[in-house]
PDB file of N, CA and C in Angstrom:
ATOM      1  N   UNK A   1       4.746  21.892  -0.870  1.00  0.00           N
ATOM      2  CA  UNK A   1       4.947  20.457  -0.697  1.00  0.00           C
ATOM      3  C   UNK A   1       3.581  19.790  -0.465  1.00  0.00           C
ATOM      4  N   UNK A   2       3.405  18.645  -1.010  1.00  0.00           N
ATOM      5  CA  UNK A   2       2.163  17.899  -0.868  1.00  0.00           C
ATOM      6  C   UNK A   2       2.155  17.180   0.475  1.00  0.00           C
ATOM      7  N   UNK A   3       1.043  17.314   1.202  1.00  0.00           N
ATOM      8  CA  UNK A   3       0.959  16.666   2.510  1.00  0.00           C
ATOM      9  C   UNK A   3       0.786  15.160   2.361  1.00  0.00           C
ATOM     10  N   UNK A   4       1.262  14.439   3.380  1.00  0.00           N
ATOM     11  CA  UNK A   4       1.176  12.976   3.382  1.00  0.00           C
ATOM     12  C   UNK A   4       0.678  12.504   4.740  1.00  0.00           C
ATOM     13  N   UNK A   5       0.067  11.363   4.746  1.00  0.00           N
ATOM     14  CA  UNK A   5      -0.330  10.705   5.980  1.00  0.00           C
ATOM     15  C   UNK A   5       0.911   9.989   6.506  1.00  0.00           C
ATOM     16  N   UNK A   6       1.321  10.338   7.734  1.00  0.00           N
ATOM     17  CA  UNK A   6       2.551   9.779   8.293  1.00  0.00           C
ATOM     18  C   UNK A   6       2.285   9.207   9.683  1.00  0.00           C
ATOM     19  N   UNK A   7       3.122   8.259  10.092  1.00  0.00           N
ATOM     20  CA  UNK A   7       3.045   7.673  11.424  1.00  0.00           C
ATOM     21  C   UNK A   7       3.791   8.587  12.388  1.00  0.00           C
ATOM     22  N   UNK A   8       3.130   8.975  13.481  1.00  0.00           N
ATOM     23  CA  UNK A   8       3.731   9.832  14.494  1.00  0.00           C
ATOM     24  C   UNK A   8       4.000   8.996  15.732  1.00  0.00           C
ATOM     25  N   UNK A   9       5.192   9.098  16.252  1.00  0.00           N
ATOM     26  CA  UNK A   9       5.561   8.323  17.438  1.00  0.00           C
ATOM     27  C   UNK A   9       6.216   9.268  18.438  1.00  0.00           C
ATOM     28  N   UNK A  10       5.376   9.912  19.242  1.00  0.00           N
ATOM     29  CA  UNK A  10       5.873  10.897  20.199  1.00  0.00           C
ATOM     30  C   UNK A  10       5.674  10.443  21.626  1.00  0.00           C
ATOM     31  N   UNK A  11       6.027  11.327  22.546  1.00  0.00           N
ATOM     32  CA  UNK A  11       5.923  11.014  23.965  1.00  0.00           C
ATOM     33  C   UNK A  11       4.466  10.892  24.412  1.00  0.00           C
ATOM     34  N   UNK A  12       3.588  11.741  23.854  1.00  0.00           N
ATOM     35  CA  UNK A  12       2.187  11.760  24.275  1.00  0.00           C
ATOM     36  C   UNK A  12       1.207  11.250  23.229  1.00  0.00           C
ATOM     37  N   UNK A  13       1.703  10.857  22.070  1.00  0.00           N
ATOM     38  CA  UNK A  13       0.804  10.393  21.015  1.00  0.00           C
ATOM     39  C   UNK A  13       1.531   9.423  20.101  1.00  0.00           C
ATOM     40  N   UNK A  14       0.833   8.369  19.734  1.00  0.00           N
ATOM     41  CA  UNK A  14       1.333   7.415  18.753  1.00  0.00           C
ATOM     42  C   UNK A  14       0.178   7.113  17.821  1.00  0.00           C
ATOM     43  N   UNK A  15       0.337   7.446  16.554  1.00  0.00           N
ATOM     44  CA  UNK A  15      -0.728   7.216  15.596  1.00  0.00           C
ATOM     45  C   UNK A  15      -0.467   7.974  14.311  1.00  0.00           C
ATOM     46  N   UNK A  16      -1.520   8.139  13.504  1.00  0.00           N
ATOM     47  CA  UNK A  16      -1.414   8.751  12.190  1.00  0.00           C
ATOM     48  C   UNK A  16      -1.632  10.248  12.266  1.00  0.00           C
ATOM     49  N   UNK A  17      -0.888  10.985  11.441  1.00  0.00           N
ATOM     50  CA  UNK A  17      -1.021  12.433  11.385  1.00  0.00           C
ATOM     51  C   UNK A  17      -0.599  12.963  10.041  1.00  0.00           C
ATOM     52  N   UNK A  18      -0.632  14.281   9.939  1.00  0.00           N
ATOM     53  CA  UNK A  18      -0.290  14.972   8.698  1.00  0.00           C
ATOM     54  C   UNK A  18       1.181  15.372   8.719  1.00  0.00           C
ATOM     55  N   UNK A  19       1.821  15.260   7.572  1.00  0.00           N
ATOM     56  CA  UNK A  19       3.235  15.631   7.451  1.00  0.00           C
ATOM     57  C   UNK A  19       3.440  17.145   7.441  1.00  0.00           C
ATOM     58  N   UNK A  20       2.384  17.934   7.214  1.00  0.00           N
ATOM     59  CA  UNK A  20       2.524  19.381   7.057  1.00  0.00           C
ATOM     60  C   UNK A  20       1.904  20.221   8.167  1.00  0.00           C
ATOM     61  N   UNK A  21       1.162  19.614   9.093  1.00  0.00           N
ATOM     62  CA  UNK A  21       0.530  20.385  10.166  1.00  0.00           C
ATOM     63  C   UNK A  21       0.378  19.501  11.409  1.00  0.00           C
ATOM     64  N   UNK A  22      -0.314  20.014  12.410  1.00  0.00           N
ATOM     65  CA  UNK A  22      -0.457  19.297  13.679  1.00  0.00           C
ATOM     66  C   UNK A  22      -1.704  18.407  13.733  1.00  0.00           C
ATOM     67  N   UNK A  23      -2.360  18.169  12.598  1.00  0.00           N
ATOM     68  CA  UNK A  23      -3.529  17.295  12.588  1.00  0.00           C
ATOM     69  C   UNK A  23      -3.095  15.867  12.928  1.00  0.00           C
ATOM     70  N   UNK A  24      -3.875  15.221  13.797  1.00  0.00           N
ATOM     71  CA  UNK A  24      -3.628  13.818  14.148  1.00  0.00           C
ATOM     72  C   UNK A  24      -4.960  13.087  14.151  1.00  0.00           C
ATOM     73  N   UNK A  25      -4.959  11.873  13.664  1.00  0.00           N
ATOM     74  CA  UNK A  25      -6.178  11.067  13.611  1.00  0.00           C
ATOM     75  C   UNK A  25      -6.485  10.490  14.974  1.00  0.00           C
ATOM     76  N   UNK A  26      -7.691  10.800  15.456  1.00  0.00           N
ATOM     77  CA  UNK A  26      -8.175  10.254  16.723  1.00  0.00           C
ATOM     78  C   UNK A  26      -9.525   9.601  16.436  1.00  0.00           C
ATOM     79  N   UNK A  27      -9.559   8.267  16.352  1.00  0.00           N
ATOM     80  CA  UNK A  27     -10.806   7.581  15.993  1.00  0.00           C
ATOM     81  C   UNK A  27     -11.931   7.902  16.967  1.00  0.00           C
ATOM     82  N   UNK A  28     -13.120   7.983  16.422  1.00  0.00           N
ATOM     83  CA  UNK A  28     -14.312   8.255  17.215  1.00  0.00           C
ATOM     84  C   UNK A  28     -14.953   6.929  17.621  1.00  0.00           C
ATOM     85  N   UNK A  29     -14.985   6.636  18.899  1.00  0.00           N
ATOM     86  CA  UNK A  29     -15.636   5.430  19.388  1.00  0.00           C
ATOM     87  C   UNK A  29     -14.829   4.169  19.141  1.00  0.00           C
ATOM     88  N   UNK A  30     -15.398   3.039  19.537  1.00  0.00           N
ATOM     89  CA  UNK A  30     -14.698   1.756  19.376  1.00  0.00           C
ATOM     90  C   UNK A  30     -14.688   1.287  17.922  1.00  0.00           C
ATOM     91  N   UNK A  31     -13.762   0.396  17.627  1.00  0.00           N
ATOM     92  CA  UNK A  31     -13.725  -0.198  16.297  1.00  0.00           C
ATOM     93  C   UNK A  31     -14.962  -1.072  16.106  1.00  0.00           C
ATOM     94  N   UNK A  32     -15.530  -1.044  14.912  1.00  0.00           N
ATOM     95  CA  UNK A  32     -16.723  -1.837  14.631  1.00  0.00           C
ATOM     96  C   UNK A  32     -16.456  -2.770  13.459  1.00  0.00           C
ATOM     97  N   UNK A  33     -17.113  -3.900  13.478  1.00  0.00           N
ATOM     98  CA  UNK A  33     -16.990  -4.875  12.414  1.00  0.00           C
ATOM     99  C   UNK A  33     -17.170  -6.271  12.961  1.00  0.00           C
ATOM    100  N   UNK A  34     -17.417  -7.202  12.073  1.00  0.00           N
ATOM    101  CA  UNK A  34     -17.635  -8.581  12.484  1.00  0.00           C
ATOM    102  C   UNK A  34     -16.361  -9.403  12.438  1.00  0.00           C
ATOM    103  N   UNK A  35     -15.276  -8.805  11.950  1.00  0.00           N
ATOM    104  CA  UNK A  35     -13.991  -9.488  11.912  1.00  0.00           C
ATOM    105  C   UNK A  35     -12.893  -8.443  12.061  1.00  0.00           C
ATOM    106  N   UNK A  36     -11.685  -8.898  12.342  1.00  0.00           N
ATOM    107  CA  UNK A  36     -10.551  -7.985  12.440  1.00  0.00           C
ATOM    108  C   UNK A  36     -10.351  -7.259  11.109  1.00  0.00           C
ATOM    109  N   UNK A  37     -10.477  -7.970  10.007  1.00  0.00           N
ATOM    110  CA  UNK A  37     -10.297  -7.370   8.683  1.00  0.00           C
ATOM    111  C   UNK A  37     -11.329  -6.262   8.446  1.00  0.00           C
ATOM    112  N   UNK A  38     -12.581  -6.492   8.852  1.00  0.00           N
ATOM    113  CA  UNK A  38     -13.627  -5.488   8.672  1.00  0.00           C
ATOM    114  C   UNK A  38     -13.370  -4.277   9.574  1.00  0.00           C
ATOM    115  N   UNK A  39     -12.915  -4.525  10.807  1.00  0.00           N
ATOM    116  CA  UNK A  39     -12.573  -3.424  11.721  1.00  0.00           C
ATOM    117  C   UNK A  39     -11.445  -2.580  11.137  1.00  0.00           C
ATOM    118  N   UNK A  40     -10.440  -3.246  10.583  1.00  0.00           N
ATOM    119  CA  UNK A  40      -9.303  -2.553   9.979  1.00  0.00           C
ATOM    120  C   UNK A  40      -9.763  -1.711   8.799  1.00  0.00           C
ATOM    121  N   UNK A  41     -10.634  -2.262   7.974  1.00  0.00           N
ATOM    122  CA  UNK A  41     -11.143  -1.545   6.812  1.00  0.00           C
ATOM    123  C   UNK A  41     -11.896  -0.287   7.239  1.00  0.00           C
ATOM    124  N   UNK A  42     -12.759  -0.403   8.258  1.00  0.00           N
ATOM    125  CA  UNK A  42     -13.518   0.756   8.745  1.00  0.00           C
ATOM    126  C   UNK A  42     -12.586   1.815   9.324  1.00  0.00           C
ATOM    127  N   UNK A  43     -11.585   1.380  10.098  1.00  0.00           N
ATOM    128  CA  UNK A  43     -10.609   2.290  10.691  1.00  0.00           C
ATOM    129  C   UNK A  43      -9.867   3.051   9.592  1.00  0.00           C
ATOM    130  N   UNK A  44      -9.364   2.331   8.601  1.00  0.00           N
ATOM    131  CA  UNK A  44      -8.606   2.958   7.520  1.00  0.00           C
ATOM    132  C   UNK A  44      -9.475   3.907   6.700  1.00  0.00           C
ATOM    133  N   UNK A  45     -10.721   3.538   6.463  1.00  0.00           N
ATOM    134  CA  UNK A  45     -11.631   4.396   5.708  1.00  0.00           C
ATOM    135  C   UNK A  45     -11.885   5.695   6.465  1.00  0.00           C
ATOM    136  N   UNK A  46     -12.155   5.592   7.781  1.00  0.00           N
ATOM    137  CA  UNK A  46     -12.392   6.778   8.595  1.00  0.00           C
ATOM    138  C   UNK A  46     -11.138   7.660   8.628  1.00  0.00           C
ATOM    139  N   UNK A  47      -9.980   7.044   8.833  1.00  0.00           N
ATOM    140  CA  UNK A  47      -8.708   7.779   8.877  1.00  0.00           C
ATOM    141  C   UNK A  47      -8.466   8.509   7.558  1.00  0.00           C
ATOM    142  N   UNK A  48      -8.617   7.812   6.457  1.00  0.00           N
ATOM    143  CA  UNK A  48      -8.349   8.395   5.138  1.00  0.00           C
ATOM    144  C   UNK A  48      -9.330   9.519   4.806  1.00  0.00           C
ATOM    145  N   UNK A  49     -10.605   9.359   5.168  1.00  0.00           N
ATOM    146  CA  UNK A  49     -11.601  10.399   4.901  1.00  0.00           C
ATOM    147  C   UNK A  49     -11.309  11.647   5.725  1.00  0.00           C
ATOM    148  N   UNK A  50     -10.975  11.459   7.006  1.00  0.00           N
ATOM    149  CA  UNK A  50     -10.678  12.609   7.853  1.00  0.00           C
ATOM    150  C   UNK A  50      -9.403  13.307   7.400  1.00  0.00           C
ATOM    151  N   UNK A  51      -8.392  12.548   6.999  1.00  0.00           N
ATOM    152  CA  UNK A  51      -7.152  13.148   6.508  1.00  0.00           C
ATOM    153  C   UNK A  51      -7.425  13.965   5.250  1.00  0.00           C
ATOM    154  N   UNK A  52      -8.165  13.391   4.318  1.00  0.00           N
ATOM    155  CA  UNK A  52      -8.452  14.070   3.050  1.00  0.00           C
ATOM    156  C   UNK A  52      -9.256  15.353   3.264  1.00  0.00           C
ATOM    157  N   UNK A  53     -10.110  15.385   4.274  1.00  0.00           N
ATOM    158  CA  UNK A  53     -10.978  16.544   4.471  1.00  0.00           C
ATOM    159  C   UNK A  53     -10.425  17.585   5.439  1.00  0.00           C
ATOM    160  N   UNK A  54      -9.307  17.311   6.120  1.00  0.00           N
ATOM    161  CA  UNK A  54      -8.813  18.311   7.068  1.00  0.00           C
ATOM    162  C   UNK A  54      -8.126  19.458   6.329  1.00  0.00           C
ATOM    163  N   UNK A  55      -8.155  20.622   6.954  1.00  0.00           N
ATOM    164  CA  UNK A  55      -7.484  21.806   6.403  1.00  0.00           C
ATOM    165  C   UNK A  55      -6.269  22.101   7.281  1.00  0.00           C
ATOM    166  N   UNK A  56      -5.100  22.067   6.681  1.00  0.00           N
ATOM    167  CA  UNK A  56      -3.863  22.293   7.444  1.00  0.00           C
ATOM    168  C   UNK A  56      -3.890  23.638   8.170  1.00  0.00           C
ATOM    169  N   UNK A  57      -4.543  24.641   7.602  1.00  0.00           N
ATOM    170  CA  UNK A  57      -4.610  25.959   8.232  1.00  0.00           C
ATOM    171  C   UNK A  57      -5.336  25.907   9.573  1.00  0.00           C
ATOM    172  N   UNK A  58      -6.196  24.915   9.760  1.00  0.00           N
ATOM    173  CA  UNK A  58      -6.929  24.764  11.020  1.00  0.00           C
ATOM    174  C   UNK A  58      -6.113  24.048  12.094  1.00  0.00           C
ATOM    175  N   UNK A  59      -4.954  23.513  11.728  1.00  0.00           N
ATOM    176  CA  UNK A  59      -4.117  22.737  12.651  1.00  0.00           C
ATOM    177  C   UNK A  59      -2.656  23.172  12.536  1.00  0.00           C
ATOM    178  N   UNK A  60      -2.366  24.429  12.879  1.00  0.00           N
ATOM    179  CA  UNK A  60      -0.976  24.873  12.728  1.00  0.00           C
ATOM    180  C   UNK A  60      -0.051  24.110  13.657  1.00  0.00           C
ATOM    181  N   UNK A  61       1.178  23.898  13.235  1.00  0.00           N
ATOM    182  CA  UNK A  61       2.123  23.194  14.099  1.00  0.00           C
ATOM    183  C   UNK A  61       2.487  24.043  15.316  1.00  0.00           C
ATOM    184  N   UNK A  62       2.784  23.400  16.400  1.00  0.00           N
ATOM    185  CA  UNK A  62       3.197  24.114  17.608  1.00  0.00           C
ATOM    186  C   UNK A  62       4.559  24.752  17.375  1.00  0.00           C
ATOM    187  N   UNK A  63       4.773  25.913  17.946  1.00  0.00           N
ATOM    188  CA  UNK A  63       6.067  26.562  17.816  1.00  0.00           C
ATOM    189  C   UNK A  63       7.033  25.957  18.827  1.00  0.00           C
ATOM    190  N   UNK A  64       8.301  25.894  18.452  1.00  0.00           N
ATOM    191  CA  UNK A  64       9.293  25.290  19.330  1.00  0.00           C
ATOM    192  C   UNK A  64       9.709  26.227  20.451  1.00  0.00           C
ATOM    193  N   UNK A  65       9.647  27.549  20.217  1.00  0.00           N
ATOM    194  CA  UNK A  65      10.042  28.525  21.223  1.00  0.00           C
ATOM    195  C   UNK A  65       8.913  29.538  21.454  1.00  0.00           C
ATOM    196  N   UNK A  66       7.838  29.104  22.135  1.00  0.00           N
ATOM    197  CA  UNK A  66       6.734  30.041  22.363  1.00  0.00           C
ATOM    198  C   UNK A  66       7.180  31.184  23.269  1.00  0.00           C
ATOM    199  N   UNK A  67       6.615  32.359  23.041  1.00  0.00           N
ATOM    200  CA  UNK A  67       6.977  33.538  23.858  1.00  0.00           C
ATOM    201  C   UNK A  67       5.980  33.771  24.933  1.00  0.00           C
TER     202      UNK A  67
END
């Protein structure tokens, strides 16, 4: 199955993540830009680049019944 960028809304995290693994986007530092539109563009670019470059094997999903 092809991975997708999905919105995650959990108890301890709300934000963007991968549909196939436990990767979640955590922006580095404050938003930058001279306008809200520019800040949004930078945020989306950073999110999309990090999503495209992550390896699902490096972020395995948590098991539901750990031993």
